[in-house]
Amino acid sequence: MRLASHKAIGVSTALVLGYDVYGVIGVTVGSILPDVIDMFISGGGDFFFQKVHRKLSHWWVLYAVLIYVAYKVYLFSVYINQVIFYISIGALLHIICDSLTKSGVPLFNPFKQDFRIGLFKTGSPVEYLLVTVVTTLLMYMRYKS
């Protein structure tokens, strides 16, 4: 999925879950974090980006462990733990959304994209239609209650 799609899903999901402004920001940052990590590692070059994209940074286990740590281990403060939690939730949303694409994401091997639902190609009209429908439904749920 494209960054705009990830941000839309992140914001609307955080709002429907009733997160405060810090939670919404954290989930939104997390929702683009896996791609930002890949852009940073690749130095912004398209060739290297394709080599690293949707590998380790898109492995759900990393973010599941961070959520566990945020709840079970006292790091520096409760605030830091909340930030880690919100960002990790956003990153997991990112991975779930990318799993819907034909490219897929790593499931057990962090260096192999071996899980995909394959509903659409990244950047296709189907992606934008799906994101529009999902965010509209989430906003309806949020403001109906």
Protein backbone atom coordinates (compact mmCIF):
# COMPACT_ATOMS: atom_id res chain seq x y z
CA MET A 1 0.00 0.00 0.00
CA ARG A 2 0.99 3.61 -0.46
CA LEU A 3 1.93 5.83 2.50
CA ALA A 4 -1.27 7.87 2.21
CA SER A 5 -3.33 4.68 2.46
CA HIS A 6 -1.41 3.53 5.54
CA LYS A 7 -1.89 6.92 7.21
CA ALA A 8 -5.64 6.96 6.48
CA ILE A 9 -6.11 3.48 7.94
CA GLY A 10 -3.89 4.34 10.93
CA VAL A 11 -5.71 7.55 11.84
CA SER A 12 -9.20 6.11 11.40
CA THR A 13 -8.36 2.96 13.39
CA ALA A 14 -6.84 4.96 16.26
CA LEU A 15 -9.92 7.20 16.36
CA VAL A 16 -12.37 4.31 16.37
CA LEU A 17 -10.38 2.72 19.22
CA GLY A 18 -10.85 5.94 21.17
CA TYR A 19 -7.17 6.85 21.49
CA ASP A 20 -6.24 10.35 22.60
CA VAL A 21 -4.33 12.72 20.34
CA TYR A 22 -0.99 11.17 21.34
CA GLY A 23 -2.32 7.72 20.51
CA VAL A 24 -3.58 8.89 17.12
CA ILE A 25 -0.20 10.47 16.34
CA GLY A 26 1.68 7.38 17.56
CA VAL A 27 -0.44 4.96 15.53
CA THR A 28 -0.14 7.20 12.47
CA VAL A 29 3.66 7.35 12.78
CA GLY A 30 3.74 3.59 13.29
CA SER A 31 1.51 3.06 10.28
CA ILE A 32 4.26 4.35 7.98
CA LEU A 33 7.28 3.27 10.04
CA PRO A 34 8.08 -0.01 8.21
CA ASP A 35 8.32 1.82 4.87
CA VAL A 36 10.26 4.72 6.40
CA ILE A 37 12.77 2.23 7.85
CA ASP A 38 13.18 0.68 4.40
CA MET A 39 13.64 4.11 2.79
CA PHE A 40 16.28 4.98 5.38
CA ILE A 41 18.17 1.69 4.98
CA SER A 42 18.13 1.97 1.18
CA GLY A 43 19.33 5.58 1.25
CA GLY A 44 16.32 6.56 -0.83
CA GLY A 45 17.57 4.76 -3.91
CA ASP A 46 14.95 2.76 -5.79
CA PHE A 47 17.25 -0.19 -6.57
CA PHE A 48 18.25 -0.74 -2.94
CA PHE A 49 14.74 0.00 -1.71
CA GLN A 50 13.40 -2.92 -3.75
CA LYS A 51 16.07 -5.17 -2.20
CA VAL A 52 15.15 -4.37 1.42
CA HIS A 53 11.44 -3.52 1.14
CA ARG A 54 8.98 -5.75 2.98
CA LYS A 55 11.60 -7.83 4.68
CA LEU A 56 12.69 -7.47 8.32
CA SER A 57 10.95 -4.11 8.86
CA HIS A 58 7.64 -5.71 7.84
CA TRP A 59 7.94 -8.74 10.12
CA TRP A 60 5.06 -8.75 12.61
CA VAL A 61 7.09 -10.51 15.32
CA LEU A 62 9.23 -7.40 15.96
CA TYR A 63 6.21 -5.25 16.73
CA ALA A 64 4.42 -7.96 18.72
CA VAL A 65 7.51 -8.19 20.96
CA LEU A 66 7.56 -4.40 21.35
CA ILE A 67 3.90 -4.41 22.42
CA TYR A 68 4.66 -7.13 24.96
CA VAL A 69 7.64 -5.16 26.27
CA ALA A 70 5.55 -1.98 26.46
CA TYR A 71 3.08 -3.75 28.73
CA LYS A 72 5.32 -6.01 30.78
CA VAL A 73 8.63 -4.20 31.20
CA TYR A 74 9.09 -0.82 32.85
CA LEU A 75 11.55 1.00 30.61
CA PHE A 76 11.96 4.69 31.37
CA SER A 77 8.44 5.84 32.10
CA VAL A 78 4.86 4.90 31.47
CA TYR A 79 4.80 7.56 28.74
CA ILE A 80 7.62 5.87 26.80
CA ASN A 81 5.82 2.54 27.09
CA GLN A 82 2.65 4.13 25.66
CA VAL A 83 4.59 5.61 22.74
CA ILE A 84 6.13 2.20 21.98
CA PHE A 85 2.68 0.60 22.21
CA TYR A 86 0.98 3.10 19.87
CA ILE A 87 3.77 3.03 17.29
CA SER A 88 3.80 -0.78 17.34
CA ILE A 89 0.02 -0.92 16.84
CA GLY A 90 0.44 1.35 13.81
CA ALA A 91 3.24 -0.83 12.42
CA LEU A 92 1.10 -3.96 12.83
CA LEU A 93 -1.74 -2.21 10.98
CA HIS A 94 0.76 -1.42 8.22
CA ILE A 95 1.75 -5.07 7.96
CA ILE A 96 -1.88 -6.26 7.96
CA CYS A 97 -2.68 -3.82 5.15
CA ASP A 98 0.38 -4.87 3.13
CA SER A 99 -0.63 -8.52 3.54
CA LEU A 100 -3.74 -7.71 1.50
CA THR A 101 -1.57 -6.86 -1.53
CA LYS A 102 -0.26 -9.20 -4.19
CA SER A 103 3.31 -8.60 -2.92
CA GLY A 104 2.64 -9.81 0.60
CA VAL A 105 4.70 -9.71 3.80
CA PRO A 106 6.98 -12.01 5.81
CA LEU A 107 5.15 -14.42 8.10
CA PHE A 108 7.72 -16.76 9.65
CA ASN A 109 10.90 -15.89 7.74
CA PRO A 110 11.66 -12.14 8.08
CA PHE A 111 13.55 -12.13 4.78
CA LYS A 112 10.87 -13.74 2.60
CA GLN A 113 7.48 -12.34 1.61
CA ASP A 114 5.61 -15.59 2.11
CA PHE A 115 2.16 -14.40 3.22
CA ARG A 116 -0.31 -12.60 0.99
CA ILE A 117 -4.04 -12.37 0.55
CA GLY A 118 -3.57 -10.81 -2.88
CA LEU A 119 -6.68 -8.64 -3.16
CA PHE A 120 -4.97 -5.87 -5.14
CA LYS A 121 -1.73 -4.47 -6.48
CA THR A 122 -0.11 -1.61 -4.54
CA GLY A 123 -1.22 1.77 -5.87
CA SER A 124 -4.10 0.35 -7.89
CA PRO A 125 -7.61 1.84 -7.98
CA VAL A 126 -8.77 -1.18 -5.93
CA GLU A 127 -6.41 -0.12 -3.12
CA TYR A 128 -7.83 3.40 -3.04
CA LEU A 129 -11.41 2.16 -3.21
CA LEU A 130 -10.81 -0.29 -0.36
CA VAL A 131 -9.11 2.35 1.78
CA THR A 132 -11.95 4.80 1.14
CA VAL A 133 -14.58 2.23 2.12
CA VAL A 134 -12.69 1.07 5.23
CA THR A 135 -11.91 4.58 6.51
CA THR A 136 -15.49 5.70 5.85
CA LEU A 137 -16.84 2.72 7.81
CA LEU A 138 -14.39 3.31 10.66
CA MET A 139 -15.31 7.00 10.86
CA TYR A 140 -19.00 6.09 10.81
CA MET A 141 -18.42 3.68 13.70
CA ARG A 142 -16.45 6.30 15.61
CA TYR A 143 -18.93 9.11 15.31
CA LYS A 144 -22.07 6.99 15.54
CA SER A 145 -21.22 5.89 19.08
